[in-house]
Amino acid sequence: MEQRQRVEADVRLYGSLFTEAHPEANGKDFLKNLNANSLSVVTVYVEPSLANVATGQRFQFERYGYFVTDLVDHT
């Protein structure tokens, strides 16, 4: 099997900024509805060519997944 080269990189995953769809509804203080978990920083592996890209360049990564039929709940 061919071994692929890879480089570690930290990426930032952004989720919903607020815990509610309408954080100011009914006079609520929107600051009390901030989602403390809206940012996740994870370490991933990327192509070596990305190790020296310029600041501010944008990339969209394709996710590969692995799937298997469930042993118990397969119909």
Protein backbone atom coordinates (compact mmCIF):
# COMPACT_ATOMS: atom_id res chain seq x y z
CA MET A 1 0.00 0.00 0.00
CA GLU A 2 1.32 3.42 -0.95
CA GLN A 3 2.04 5.70 2.00
CA ARG A 4 0.84 9.25 1.43
CA GLN A 5 2.67 12.26 2.76
CA ARG A 6 0.79 14.60 5.02
CA VAL A 7 1.31 17.68 7.17
CA GLU A 8 -0.44 18.50 10.44
CA ALA A 9 -2.52 21.67 10.49
CA ASP A 10 -4.85 23.28 12.99
CA VAL A 11 -8.23 24.21 11.53
CA ARG A 12 -11.05 26.20 13.06
CA LEU A 13 -14.57 24.87 12.76
CA TYR A 14 -17.29 27.46 13.33
CA GLY A 15 -20.75 26.49 14.51
CA SER A 16 -23.78 28.57 15.47
CA LEU A 17 -22.83 31.77 17.27
CA PHE A 18 -26.02 31.75 19.34
CA THR A 19 -27.81 29.04 21.29
CA GLU A 20 -31.21 30.25 20.05
CA ALA A 21 -32.48 31.10 16.57
CA HIS A 22 -33.67 34.55 17.73
CA PRO A 23 -31.31 35.59 20.55
CA GLU A 24 -32.91 39.04 21.01
CA ALA A 25 -36.55 37.90 20.87
CA ASN A 26 -38.86 39.28 23.53
CA GLY A 27 -36.26 41.78 24.74
CA LYS A 28 -33.66 39.15 25.70
CA ASP A 29 -30.02 40.13 26.07
CA PHE A 30 -28.38 38.48 23.06
CA LEU A 31 -25.07 38.25 24.93
CA LYS A 32 -26.63 35.71 27.29
CA ASN A 33 -27.37 33.47 24.29
CA LEU A 34 -23.82 33.29 22.93
CA ASN A 35 -22.72 29.74 22.20
CA ALA A 36 -19.47 29.12 24.09
CA ASN A 37 -18.89 26.07 21.88
CA SER A 38 -19.29 27.87 18.55
CA LEU A 39 -15.57 27.48 17.79
CA SER A 40 -13.65 24.21 17.73
CA VAL A 41 -9.96 24.00 16.88
CA VAL A 42 -8.90 20.55 15.68
CA THR A 43 -5.68 19.12 14.29
CA VAL A 44 -6.02 17.58 10.83
CA TYR A 45 -3.72 16.25 8.14
CA VAL A 46 -3.46 18.09 4.83
CA GLU A 47 -1.52 17.78 1.60
CA PRO A 48 2.13 18.90 1.97
CA SER A 49 1.57 21.59 -0.69
CA LEU A 50 -0.55 23.51 1.86
CA ALA A 51 2.36 23.93 4.29
CA ASN A 52 3.58 27.13 2.64
CA VAL A 53 0.48 28.88 1.33
CA ALA A 54 0.12 32.64 1.62
CA THR A 55 -1.80 34.24 4.47
CA GLY A 56 -5.47 34.78 3.66
CA GLN A 57 -5.75 32.11 0.97
CA ARG A 58 -9.00 30.16 1.19
CA PHE A 59 -9.56 26.45 0.79
CA GLN A 60 -12.51 24.12 0.93
CA PHE A 61 -11.70 20.55 1.87
CA GLU A 62 -13.63 17.53 0.77
CA ARG A 63 -14.45 15.11 3.54
CA TYR A 64 -14.09 11.42 2.99
CA GLY A 65 -16.13 9.07 5.13
CA TYR A 66 -16.31 5.37 5.73
CA PHE A 67 -19.64 3.63 6.13
CA VAL A 68 -20.76 0.16 7.10
CA THR A 69 -24.16 -1.45 7.36
CA ASP A 70 -25.27 -1.74 10.96
CA LEU A 71 -24.93 -5.25 12.44
CA VAL A 72 -28.06 -4.86 14.58
CA ASP A 73 -30.34 -2.37 12.82
CA HIS A 74 -29.82 -3.33 9.17
CA THR A 75 -32.95 -3.94 7.12
